[in-house]
Amino acid sequence: MVIVMVGIYQLQNFIDNRRGAETSPRSLMYLLDGEALKIASVGYEHVVADLVWLRAIQVWGDRQVTQDDYNWTYRALDIVTTLDPKFADAYLAGGLVLTIIAEHVDQSNKILKKGISSNVKDWKIPFFIGFNYFNFLRDYEAAAVYIEMATKLPGHPPWLPLLAARLHVQANSPQVALELLGRIYENTGDSSLKEKLEMRMKEVIIEQDLLALERAIDSYQRQFGVLPESLERLVEIGILDDIRPDPFGAVYEFDSRSGEVSSRSTSDRMRVYHPSGKELEYDD
């Protein structure tokens, strides 16, 4: 262990002295890869992982570090998590640094997904992947998949299933949202959560009905070149079989001028608003 620690220390000093203090963050690039360091550590993989991790933290905290210096972050994180695959903080903190500071979203997802592959049971790992897909990549379907994955891990907050359902709806998959909420409803004994889940399932059904009405209106407009004068017209010509009330008993309304459909039971459509538009809603 002493040999390994001294060797790493000397290696870092050698690199820093050769390349100058201003390029010291890039020294992370010149370390051996994780598999080679695992062999060289002769059984002290966690010690070497901690040393590399501390080095990475020092780089992140240096005010003199430029944006380009963060290009070596992924390599350092890959080394640390190869040496210590269960190092949850490396996946979580590293994943955030790669997006928020380094602006490398794909690398952030890659290191976080490595945490999932390493079977790290921390709900925040798939949650952060879902956040990346939602906030940076605007891929709501992928975001919903990973947020739902987070709901299956211990310790997740009670609002997370409700957020997952919203994302499935935003990805135009209300049926998937209903199945998710139904599974959680059947497996919880928390009466307060059951009440929220019941309310959310009704909201999802409204969204499912509104999407069906929108598709029917689009079909009518493609066929006749104009908007229908009423929703009943869609039933008259056979595009819809009938128009049922929403789960709260209210009728669906249609604005023949704008083509918008709505329900009096809900003031807003069921969406997770992107920060570039309305405020993100998830606490609900």
C-alpha atoms as a PDB file:
ATOM      1  CA  MET A   1       0.000   0.000   0.000  1.00  0.00           C
ATOM      2  CA  VAL A   2       2.823   2.395   0.897  1.00  0.00           C
ATOM      3  CA  ILE A   3       4.565   1.643  -2.400  1.00  0.00           C
ATOM      4  CA  VAL A   4       1.364   2.368  -4.331  1.00  0.00           C
ATOM      5  CA  MET A   5       0.687   5.621  -2.463  1.00  0.00           C
ATOM      6  CA  VAL A   6       4.256   6.845  -2.901  1.00  0.00           C
ATOM      7  CA  GLY A   7       4.188   5.840  -6.553  1.00  0.00           C
ATOM      8  CA  ILE A   8       0.989   7.781  -7.269  1.00  0.00           C
ATOM      9  CA  TYR A   9       2.283  10.800  -5.354  1.00  0.00           C
ATOM     10  CA  GLN A  10       5.576  10.811  -7.230  1.00  0.00           C
ATOM     11  CA  LEU A  11       3.803  10.331 -10.526  1.00  0.00           C
ATOM     12  CA  GLN A  12       1.620  13.373  -9.892  1.00  0.00           C
ATOM     13  CA  ASN A  13       4.589  15.505  -8.860  1.00  0.00           C
ATOM     14  CA  PHE A  14       6.553  14.405 -11.904  1.00  0.00           C
ATOM     15  CA  ILE A  15       3.679  15.297 -14.253  1.00  0.00           C
ATOM     16  CA  ASP A  16       3.029  18.650 -12.594  1.00  0.00           C
ATOM     17  CA  ASN A  17       6.707  19.608 -12.622  1.00  0.00           C
ATOM     18  CA  ARG A  18       7.110  18.604 -16.252  1.00  0.00           C
ATOM     19  CA  ARG A  19       4.017  20.380 -17.517  1.00  0.00           C
ATOM     20  CA  GLY A  20       3.817  23.361 -15.210  1.00  0.00           C
ATOM     21  CA  ALA A  21       1.265  24.386 -12.652  1.00  0.00           C
ATOM     22  CA  GLU A  22      -0.987  25.956 -15.249  1.00  0.00           C
ATOM     23  CA  THR A  23      -1.547  22.583 -16.970  1.00  0.00           C
ATOM     24  CA  SER A  24      -1.713  20.443 -13.815  1.00  0.00           C
ATOM     25  CA  PRO A  25      -5.397  19.527 -14.317  1.00  0.00           C
ATOM     26  CA  ARG A  26      -4.413  17.747 -17.525  1.00  0.00           C
ATOM     27  CA  SER A  27      -2.175  15.467 -15.472  1.00  0.00           C
ATOM     28  CA  LEU A  28      -5.255  13.320 -14.909  1.00  0.00           C
ATOM     29  CA  MET A  29      -5.040  12.362 -18.555  1.00  0.00           C
ATOM     30  CA  TYR A  30      -1.611  10.788 -18.121  1.00  0.00           C
ATOM     31  CA  LEU A  31      -2.607   8.269 -15.460  1.00  0.00           C
ATOM     32  CA  LEU A  32      -2.861   4.642 -16.478  1.00  0.00           C
ATOM     33  CA  ASP A  33      -6.370   3.470 -17.283  1.00  0.00           C
ATOM     34  CA  GLY A  34      -8.501   1.884 -14.596  1.00  0.00           C
ATOM     35  CA  GLU A  35      -7.806  -1.746 -15.472  1.00  0.00           C
ATOM     36  CA  ALA A  36      -4.034  -1.190 -15.544  1.00  0.00           C
ATOM     37  CA  LEU A  37      -4.126   0.680 -12.227  1.00  0.00           C
ATOM     38  CA  LYS A  38      -6.194  -2.146 -10.730  1.00  0.00           C
ATOM     39  CA  ILE A  39      -3.365  -4.568 -11.513  1.00  0.00           C
ATOM     40  CA  ALA A  40      -0.701  -2.136 -10.313  1.00  0.00           C
ATOM     41  CA  SER A  41      -2.522  -1.476  -7.035  1.00  0.00           C
ATOM     42  CA  VAL A  42      -1.873  -5.083  -5.875  1.00  0.00           C
ATOM     43  CA  GLY A  43      -5.110  -5.361  -3.925  1.00  0.00           C
ATOM     44  CA  TYR A  44      -5.412  -1.733  -2.791  1.00  0.00           C
ATOM     45  CA  GLU A  45      -7.795  -0.575  -5.500  1.00  0.00           C
ATOM     46  CA  HIS A  46      -9.899   1.499  -3.093  1.00  0.00           C
ATOM     47  CA  VAL A  47      -6.845   3.379  -1.829  1.00  0.00           C
ATOM     48  CA  VAL A  48      -5.757   4.294  -5.353  1.00  0.00           C
ATOM     49  CA  ALA A  49      -9.359   5.204  -6.238  1.00  0.00           C
ATOM     50  CA  ASP A  50      -9.461   7.579  -3.282  1.00  0.00           C
ATOM     51  CA  LEU A  51      -6.186   9.196  -4.343  1.00  0.00           C
ATOM     52  CA  VAL A  52      -7.379   9.795  -7.894  1.00  0.00           C
ATOM     53  CA  TRP A  53     -10.737  11.009  -6.551  1.00  0.00           C
ATOM     54  CA  LEU A  54      -9.049  13.534  -4.263  1.00  0.00           C
ATOM     55  CA  ARG A  55      -6.975  14.719  -7.202  1.00  0.00           C
ATOM     56  CA  ALA A  56     -10.123  15.231  -9.282  1.00  0.00           C
ATOM     57  CA  ILE A  57     -11.788  17.180  -6.464  1.00  0.00           C
ATOM     58  CA  GLN A  58      -8.767  19.450  -6.238  1.00  0.00           C
ATOM     59  CA  VAL A  59      -9.035  20.156  -9.959  1.00  0.00           C
ATOM     60  CA  TRP A  60     -12.750  20.962  -9.722  1.00  0.00           C
ATOM     61  CA  GLY A  61     -12.163  23.342  -6.817  1.00  0.00           C
ATOM     62  CA  ASP A  62      -9.293  25.259  -8.411  1.00  0.00           C
ATOM     63  CA  ARG A  63     -10.431  28.725  -9.457  1.00  0.00           C
ATOM     64  CA  GLN A  64      -7.695  28.837 -12.094  1.00  0.00           C
ATOM     65  CA  VAL A  65      -9.151  25.860 -13.965  1.00  0.00           C
ATOM     66  CA  THR A  66     -10.455  26.754 -17.414  1.00  0.00           C
ATOM     67  CA  GLN A  67     -13.370  25.151 -19.219  1.00  0.00           C
ATOM     68  CA  ASP A  68     -10.963  23.057 -21.300  1.00  0.00           C
ATOM     69  CA  ASP A  69      -9.413  21.621 -18.150  1.00  0.00           C
ATOM     70  CA  TYR A  70     -12.639  19.784 -17.414  1.00  0.00           C
ATOM     71  CA  ASN A  71     -12.159  17.705 -20.547  1.00  0.00           C
ATOM     72  CA  TRP A  72     -10.201  15.200 -18.467  1.00  0.00           C
ATOM     73  CA  THR A  73     -12.962  14.789 -15.889  1.00  0.00           C
ATOM     74  CA  TYR A  74     -14.556  11.783 -17.521  1.00  0.00           C
ATOM     75  CA  ARG A  75     -11.235   9.917 -17.696  1.00  0.00           C
ATOM     76  CA  ALA A  76     -10.624  10.484 -13.980  1.00  0.00           C
ATOM     77  CA  LEU A  77     -14.145   9.351 -13.106  1.00  0.00           C
ATOM     78  CA  ASP A  78     -13.796   6.269 -15.291  1.00  0.00           C
ATOM     79  CA  ILE A  79     -10.561   5.348 -13.490  1.00  0.00           C
ATOM     80  CA  VAL A  80     -12.093   5.881 -10.034  1.00  0.00           C
ATOM     81  CA  THR A  81     -15.221   3.850 -10.783  1.00  0.00           C
ATOM     82  CA  THR A  82     -13.231   1.046 -12.414  1.00  0.00           C
ATOM     83  CA  LEU A  83     -11.099   0.751  -9.288  1.00  0.00           C
ATOM     84  CA  ASP A  84     -14.118   1.123  -6.969  1.00  0.00           C
ATOM     85  CA  PRO A  85     -17.330   0.267  -8.884  1.00  0.00           C
ATOM     86  CA  LYS A  86     -19.547   0.891  -5.828  1.00  0.00           C
ATOM     87  CA  PHE A  87     -18.275   4.453  -5.235  1.00  0.00           C
ATOM     88  CA  ALA A  88     -21.704   6.133  -5.479  1.00  0.00           C
ATOM     89  CA  ASP A  89     -20.433   9.677  -4.822  1.00  0.00           C
ATOM     90  CA  ALA A  90     -18.079   9.473  -7.794  1.00  0.00           C
ATOM     91  CA  TYR A  91     -20.980   8.713 -10.132  1.00  0.00           C
ATOM     92  CA  LEU A  92     -23.255  11.354  -8.600  1.00  0.00           C
ATOM     93  CA  ALA A  93     -20.849  14.258  -8.099  1.00  0.00           C
ATOM     94  CA  GLY A  94     -18.971  13.451 -11.293  1.00  0.00           C
ATOM     95  CA  GLY A  95     -22.173  13.235 -13.294  1.00  0.00           C
ATOM     96  CA  LEU A  96     -23.188  16.704 -12.107  1.00  0.00           C
ATOM     97  CA  VAL A  97     -19.773  18.238 -12.769  1.00  0.00           C
ATOM     98  CA  LEU A  98     -19.806  16.858 -16.315  1.00  0.00           C
ATOM     99  CA  THR A  99     -23.098  18.629 -17.058  1.00  0.00           C
ATOM    100  CA  ILE A 100     -23.339  21.708 -14.867  1.00  0.00           C
ATOM    101  CA  ILE A 101     -19.682  22.746 -15.101  1.00  0.00           C
ATOM    102  CA  ALA A 102     -18.049  20.875 -17.986  1.00  0.00           C
ATOM    103  CA  GLU A 103     -21.159  20.811 -20.231  1.00  0.00           C
ATOM    104  CA  HIS A 104     -20.451  17.250 -21.383  1.00  0.00           C
ATOM    105  CA  VAL A 105     -23.930  15.734 -21.152  1.00  0.00           C
ATOM    106  CA  ASP A 106     -23.133  12.545 -23.067  1.00  0.00           C
ATOM    107  CA  GLN A 107     -20.159  11.818 -20.812  1.00  0.00           C
ATOM    108  CA  SER A 108     -22.296  12.520 -17.755  1.00  0.00           C
ATOM    109  CA  ASN A 109     -24.877   9.980 -18.916  1.00  0.00           C
ATOM    110  CA  LYS A 110     -22.120   7.520 -19.716  1.00  0.00           C
ATOM    111  CA  ILE A 111     -20.578   7.621 -16.230  1.00  0.00           C
ATOM    112  CA  LEU A 112     -24.002   7.545 -14.543  1.00  0.00           C
ATOM    113  CA  LYS A 113     -25.072   4.563 -16.648  1.00  0.00           C
ATOM    114  CA  LYS A 114     -21.846   2.865 -15.590  1.00  0.00           C
ATOM    115  CA  GLY A 115     -23.147   3.221 -12.031  1.00  0.00           C
ATOM    116  CA  ILE A 116     -26.351   1.427 -13.013  1.00  0.00           C
ATOM    117  CA  SER A 117     -24.333  -1.318 -14.740  1.00  0.00           C
ATOM    118  CA  SER A 118     -22.258  -1.661 -11.554  1.00  0.00           C
ATOM    119  CA  ASN A 119     -25.518  -2.252  -9.645  1.00  0.00           C
ATOM    120  CA  VAL A 120     -25.177   0.791  -7.396  1.00  0.00           C
ATOM    121  CA  LYS A 121     -28.548   0.976  -5.635  1.00  0.00           C
ATOM    122  CA  ASP A 122     -28.898   4.748  -5.385  1.00  0.00           C
ATOM    123  CA  TRP A 123     -32.089   6.250  -6.816  1.00  0.00           C
ATOM    124  CA  LYS A 124     -30.317   9.525  -7.569  1.00  0.00           C
ATOM    125  CA  ILE A 125     -28.177   7.903 -10.299  1.00  0.00           C
ATOM    126  CA  PRO A 126     -31.073   7.108 -12.697  1.00  0.00           C
ATOM    127  CA  PHE A 127     -32.785  10.311 -11.529  1.00  0.00           C
ATOM    128  CA  PHE A 128     -29.816  12.413 -12.695  1.00  0.00           C
ATOM    129  CA  ILE A 129     -29.803  10.574 -16.034  1.00  0.00           C
ATOM    130  CA  GLY A 130     -33.493  11.351 -16.399  1.00  0.00           C
ATOM    131  CA  PHE A 131     -32.792  14.985 -15.532  1.00  0.00           C
ATOM    132  CA  ASN A 132     -30.077  15.119 -18.209  1.00  0.00           C
ATOM    133  CA  TYR A 133     -32.445  13.732 -20.844  1.00  0.00           C
ATOM    134  CA  PHE A 134     -35.176  16.148 -19.799  1.00  0.00           C
ATOM    135  CA  ASN A 135     -33.249  19.341 -19.185  1.00  0.00           C
ATOM    136  CA  PHE A 136     -30.390  19.157 -21.676  1.00  0.00           C
ATOM    137  CA  LEU A 137     -31.433  16.712 -24.402  1.00  0.00           C
ATOM    138  CA  ARG A 138     -35.209  17.320 -24.409  1.00  0.00           C
ATOM    139  CA  ASP A 139     -35.787  13.564 -24.783  1.00  0.00           C
ATOM    140  CA  TYR A 140     -38.877  13.178 -22.612  1.00  0.00           C
ATOM    141  CA  GLU A 141     -39.396   9.496 -23.379  1.00  0.00           C
ATOM    142  CA  ALA A 142     -35.891   8.566 -22.186  1.00  0.00           C
ATOM    143  CA  ALA A 143     -36.304  10.900 -19.197  1.00  0.00           C
ATOM    144  CA  ALA A 144     -39.491   9.077 -18.204  1.00  0.00           C
ATOM    145  CA  VAL A 145     -37.797   5.674 -18.462  1.00  0.00           C
ATOM    146  CA  TYR A 146     -34.943   6.627 -16.120  1.00  0.00           C
ATOM    147  CA  ILE A 147     -37.117   8.526 -13.641  1.00  0.00           C
ATOM    148  CA  GLU A 148     -39.354   5.455 -13.459  1.00  0.00           C
ATOM    149  CA  MET A 149     -36.245   3.330 -12.875  1.00  0.00           C
ATOM    150  CA  ALA A 150     -35.414   5.585  -9.915  1.00  0.00           C
ATOM    151  CA  THR A 151     -38.845   4.887  -8.389  1.00  0.00           C
ATOM    152  CA  LYS A 152     -37.917   1.212  -8.083  1.00  0.00           C
ATOM    153  CA  LEU A 153     -34.918   1.901  -5.838  1.00  0.00           C
ATOM    154  CA  PRO A 154     -35.067   2.338  -2.054  1.00  0.00           C
ATOM    155  CA  GLY A 155     -35.084   5.777  -0.496  1.00  0.00           C
ATOM    156  CA  HIS A 156     -36.670   7.677  -3.385  1.00  0.00           C
ATOM    157  CA  PRO A 157     -38.909  10.615  -2.374  1.00  0.00           C
ATOM    158  CA  PRO A 158     -42.687  10.106  -2.520  1.00  0.00           C
ATOM    159  CA  TRP A 159     -43.147  12.692  -5.299  1.00  0.00           C
ATOM    160  CA  LEU A 160     -40.918  10.793  -7.730  1.00  0.00           C
ATOM    161  CA  PRO A 161     -43.593   8.411  -9.115  1.00  0.00           C
ATOM    162  CA  LEU A 162     -45.818  11.422  -9.773  1.00  0.00           C
ATOM    163  CA  LEU A 163     -43.021  13.081 -11.727  1.00  0.00           C
ATOM    164  CA  ALA A 164     -42.402   9.882 -13.694  1.00  0.00           C
ATOM    165  CA  ALA A 165     -46.080   9.779 -14.631  1.00  0.00           C
ATOM    166  CA  ARG A 166     -45.984  13.410 -15.819  1.00  0.00           C
ATOM    167  CA  LEU A 167     -42.968  12.647 -17.991  1.00  0.00           C
ATOM    168  CA  HIS A 168     -44.660   9.619 -19.547  1.00  0.00           C
ATOM    169  CA  VAL A 169     -47.613  11.844 -20.368  1.00  0.00           C
ATOM    170  CA  GLN A 170     -45.312  14.475 -21.844  1.00  0.00           C
ATOM    171  CA  ALA A 171     -43.795  11.716 -23.984  1.00  0.00           C
ATOM    172  CA  ASN A 172     -47.351  10.981 -25.204  1.00  0.00           C
ATOM    173  CA  SER A 173     -47.501   7.683 -23.293  1.00  0.00           C
ATOM    174  CA  PRO A 174     -50.369   8.178 -20.797  1.00  0.00           C
ATOM    175  CA  GLN A 175     -51.118   4.451 -20.757  1.00  0.00           C
ATOM    176  CA  VAL A 176     -47.597   3.756 -19.487  1.00  0.00           C
ATOM    177  CA  ALA A 177     -48.118   6.434 -16.839  1.00  0.00           C
ATOM    178  CA  LEU A 178     -51.349   4.757 -15.713  1.00  0.00           C
ATOM    179  CA  GLU A 179     -49.649   1.362 -15.469  1.00  0.00           C
ATOM    180  CA  LEU A 180     -46.822   2.853 -13.399  1.00  0.00           C
ATOM    181  CA  LEU A 181     -49.195   4.622 -11.011  1.00  0.00           C
ATOM    182  CA  GLY A 182     -51.369   1.530 -10.738  1.00  0.00           C
ATOM    183  CA  ARG A 183     -48.405  -0.678  -9.781  1.00  0.00           C
ATOM    184  CA  ILE A 184     -47.296   1.766  -7.115  1.00  0.00           C
ATOM    185  CA  TYR A 185     -50.862   2.132  -5.826  1.00  0.00           C
ATOM    186  CA  GLU A 186     -51.197  -1.639  -5.398  1.00  0.00           C
ATOM    187  CA  ASN A 187     -47.867  -1.914  -3.566  1.00  0.00           C
ATOM    188  CA  THR A 188     -48.133   0.905  -1.057  1.00  0.00           C
ATOM    189  CA  GLY A 189     -49.871   0.972   2.276  1.00  0.00           C
ATOM    190  CA  ASP A 190     -49.512   4.715   2.693  1.00  0.00           C
ATOM    191  CA  SER A 191     -53.058   6.114   2.622  1.00  0.00           C
ATOM    192  CA  SER A 192     -51.837   9.647   1.914  1.00  0.00           C
ATOM    193  CA  LEU A 193     -49.807   8.458  -1.076  1.00  0.00           C
ATOM    194  CA  LYS A 194     -52.733   6.356  -2.309  1.00  0.00           C
ATOM    195  CA  GLU A 195     -54.901   9.474  -2.286  1.00  0.00           C
ATOM    196  CA  LYS A 196     -52.352  11.394  -4.349  1.00  0.00           C
ATOM    197  CA  LEU A 197     -51.977   8.463  -6.737  1.00  0.00           C
ATOM    198  CA  GLU A 198     -55.748   8.255  -7.240  1.00  0.00           C
ATOM    199  CA  MET A 199     -55.850  11.952  -8.066  1.00  0.00           C
ATOM    200  CA  ARG A 200     -52.903  11.636 -10.436  1.00  0.00           C
ATOM    201  CA  MET A 201     -54.445   8.640 -12.219  1.00  0.00           C
ATOM    202  CA  LYS A 202     -57.603  10.660 -12.871  1.00  0.00           C
ATOM    203  CA  GLU A 203     -55.482  13.507 -14.235  1.00  0.00           C
ATOM    204  CA  VAL A 204     -53.671  11.059 -16.511  1.00  0.00           C
ATOM    205  CA  ILE A 205     -57.001   9.708 -17.785  1.00  0.00           C
ATOM    206  CA  ILE A 206     -58.035  13.278 -18.618  1.00  0.00           C
ATOM    207  CA  GLU A 207     -54.776  13.764 -20.514  1.00  0.00           C
ATOM    208  CA  GLN A 208     -55.316  10.461 -22.326  1.00  0.00           C
ATOM    209  CA  ASP A 209     -58.823  11.564 -23.351  1.00  0.00           C
ATOM    210  CA  LEU A 210     -57.598  14.994 -24.480  1.00  0.00           C
ATOM    211  CA  LEU A 211     -54.904  13.399 -26.637  1.00  0.00           C
ATOM    212  CA  ALA A 212     -57.531  11.145 -28.239  1.00  0.00           C
ATOM    213  CA  LEU A 213     -59.763  14.152 -28.917  1.00  0.00           C
ATOM    214  CA  GLU A 214     -56.839  16.079 -30.435  1.00  0.00           C
ATOM    215  CA  ARG A 215     -56.064  13.187 -32.765  1.00  0.00           C
ATOM    216  CA  ALA A 216     -59.711  13.015 -33.797  1.00  0.00           C
ATOM    217  CA  ILE A 217     -59.781  16.771 -34.501  1.00  0.00           C
ATOM    218  CA  ASP A 218     -56.587  16.452 -36.571  1.00  0.00           C
ATOM    219  CA  SER A 219     -58.188  13.625 -38.545  1.00  0.00           C
ATOM    220  CA  TYR A 220     -61.281  15.724 -39.226  1.00  0.00           C
ATOM    221  CA  GLN A 221     -59.163  18.710 -40.303  1.00  0.00           C
ATOM    222  CA  ARG A 222     -57.116  16.569 -42.698  1.00  0.00           C
ATOM    223  CA  GLN A 223     -60.323  15.156 -44.171  1.00  0.00           C
ATOM    224  CA  PHE A 224     -62.341  18.374 -44.521  1.00  0.00           C
ATOM    225  CA  GLY A 225     -59.723  21.126 -44.405  1.00  0.00           C
ATOM    226  CA  VAL A 226     -61.419  22.953 -41.506  1.00  0.00           C
ATOM    227  CA  LEU A 227     -61.892  22.492 -37.784  1.00  0.00           C
ATOM    228  CA  PRO A 228     -65.112  20.792 -36.660  1.00  0.00           C
ATOM    229  CA  GLU A 229     -67.790  23.074 -35.263  1.00  0.00           C
ATOM    230  CA  SER A 230     -68.148  20.874 -32.170  1.00  0.00           C
ATOM    231  CA  LEU A 231     -66.922  17.640 -30.616  1.00  0.00           C
ATOM    232  CA  GLU A 232     -70.330  16.084 -31.288  1.00  0.00           C
ATOM    233  CA  ARG A 233     -69.636  16.481 -35.001  1.00  0.00           C
ATOM    234  CA  LEU A 234     -66.785  13.982 -34.602  1.00  0.00           C
ATOM    235  CA  VAL A 235     -69.284  11.430 -33.302  1.00  0.00           C
ATOM    236  CA  GLU A 236     -71.799  12.187 -36.052  1.00  0.00           C
ATOM    237  CA  ILE A 237     -69.370  11.290 -38.842  1.00  0.00           C
ATOM    238  CA  GLY A 238     -67.931   8.283 -37.022  1.00  0.00           C
ATOM    239  CA  ILE A 239     -64.463   9.509 -36.114  1.00  0.00           C
ATOM    240  CA  LEU A 240     -65.374   8.980 -32.444  1.00  0.00           C
ATOM    241  CA  ASP A 241     -67.803   6.452 -30.983  1.00  0.00           C
ATOM    242  CA  ASP A 242     -68.822   8.733 -28.148  1.00  0.00           C
ATOM    243  CA  ILE A 243     -67.565  11.485 -25.828  1.00  0.00           C
ATOM    244  CA  ARG A 244     -67.569  10.484 -22.185  1.00  0.00           C
ATOM    245  CA  PRO A 245     -67.285  12.846 -19.209  1.00  0.00           C
ATOM    246  CA  ASP A 246     -63.885  13.096 -17.540  1.00  0.00           C
ATOM    247  CA  PRO A 247     -63.187  11.051 -14.355  1.00  0.00           C
ATOM    248  CA  PHE A 248     -64.458  13.938 -12.212  1.00  0.00           C
ATOM    249  CA  GLY A 249     -67.765  14.079 -14.105  1.00  0.00           C
ATOM    250  CA  ALA A 250     -67.064  17.238 -16.119  1.00  0.00           C
ATOM    251  CA  VAL A 251     -67.601  17.461 -19.870  1.00  0.00           C
ATOM    252  CA  TYR A 252     -64.753  18.127 -22.290  1.00  0.00           C
ATOM    253  CA  GLU A 253     -64.860  21.524 -23.974  1.00  0.00           C
ATOM    254  CA  PHE A 254     -63.806  22.540 -27.468  1.00  0.00           C
ATOM    255  CA  ASP A 255     -62.875  25.952 -28.848  1.00  0.00           C
ATOM    256  CA  SER A 256     -63.813  25.822 -32.539  1.00  0.00           C
ATOM    257  CA  ARG A 257     -61.716  28.912 -33.289  1.00  0.00           C
ATOM    258  CA  SER A 258     -58.405  27.729 -31.813  1.00  0.00           C
ATOM    259  CA  GLY A 259     -59.025  23.989 -32.001  1.00  0.00           C
ATOM    260  CA  GLU A 260     -58.084  23.522 -28.355  1.00  0.00           C
ATOM    261  CA  VAL A 261     -59.777  20.952 -26.130  1.00  0.00           C
ATOM    262  CA  SER A 262     -59.880  21.159 -22.340  1.00  0.00           C
ATOM    263  CA  SER A 263     -61.566  19.957 -19.183  1.00  0.00           C
ATOM    264  CA  ARG A 264     -63.055  22.145 -16.484  1.00  0.00           C
ATOM    265  CA  SER A 265     -61.589  19.743 -13.910  1.00  0.00           C
ATOM    266  CA  THR A 266     -58.013  20.842 -14.616  1.00  0.00           C
ATOM    267  CA  SER A 267     -56.686  24.336 -15.168  1.00  0.00           C
ATOM    268  CA  ASP A 268     -53.507  23.233 -16.998  1.00  0.00           C
ATOM    269  CA  ARG A 269     -52.429  20.376 -19.193  1.00  0.00           C
ATOM    270  CA  MET A 270     -50.378  17.697 -17.476  1.00  0.00           C
ATOM    271  CA  ARG A 271     -46.827  18.623 -18.411  1.00  0.00           C
ATOM    272  CA  VAL A 272     -43.431  18.962 -16.764  1.00  0.00           C
ATOM    273  CA  TYR A 273     -42.519  22.455 -17.862  1.00  0.00           C
ATOM    274  CA  HIS A 274     -39.026  22.978 -19.148  1.00  0.00           C
ATOM    275  CA  PRO A 275     -36.896  25.686 -17.448  1.00  0.00           C
ATOM    276  CA  SER A 276     -36.691  27.548 -20.726  1.00  0.00           C
ATOM    277  CA  GLY A 277     -40.453  27.952 -20.607  1.00  0.00           C
ATOM    278  CA  LYS A 278     -42.544  27.632 -17.507  1.00  0.00           C
ATOM    279  CA  GLU A 279     -41.135  26.597 -14.172  1.00  0.00           C
ATOM    280  CA  LEU A 280     -40.354  22.903 -13.656  1.00  0.00           C
ATOM    281  CA  GLU A 281     -43.081  21.240 -11.586  1.00  0.00           C
ATOM    282  CA  TYR A 282     -42.461  18.028  -9.710  1.00  0.00           C
ATOM    283  CA  ASP A 283     -43.282  18.422  -6.072  1.00  0.00           C
ATOM    284  CA  ASP A 284     -46.980  18.074  -6.271  1.00  0.00           C
END
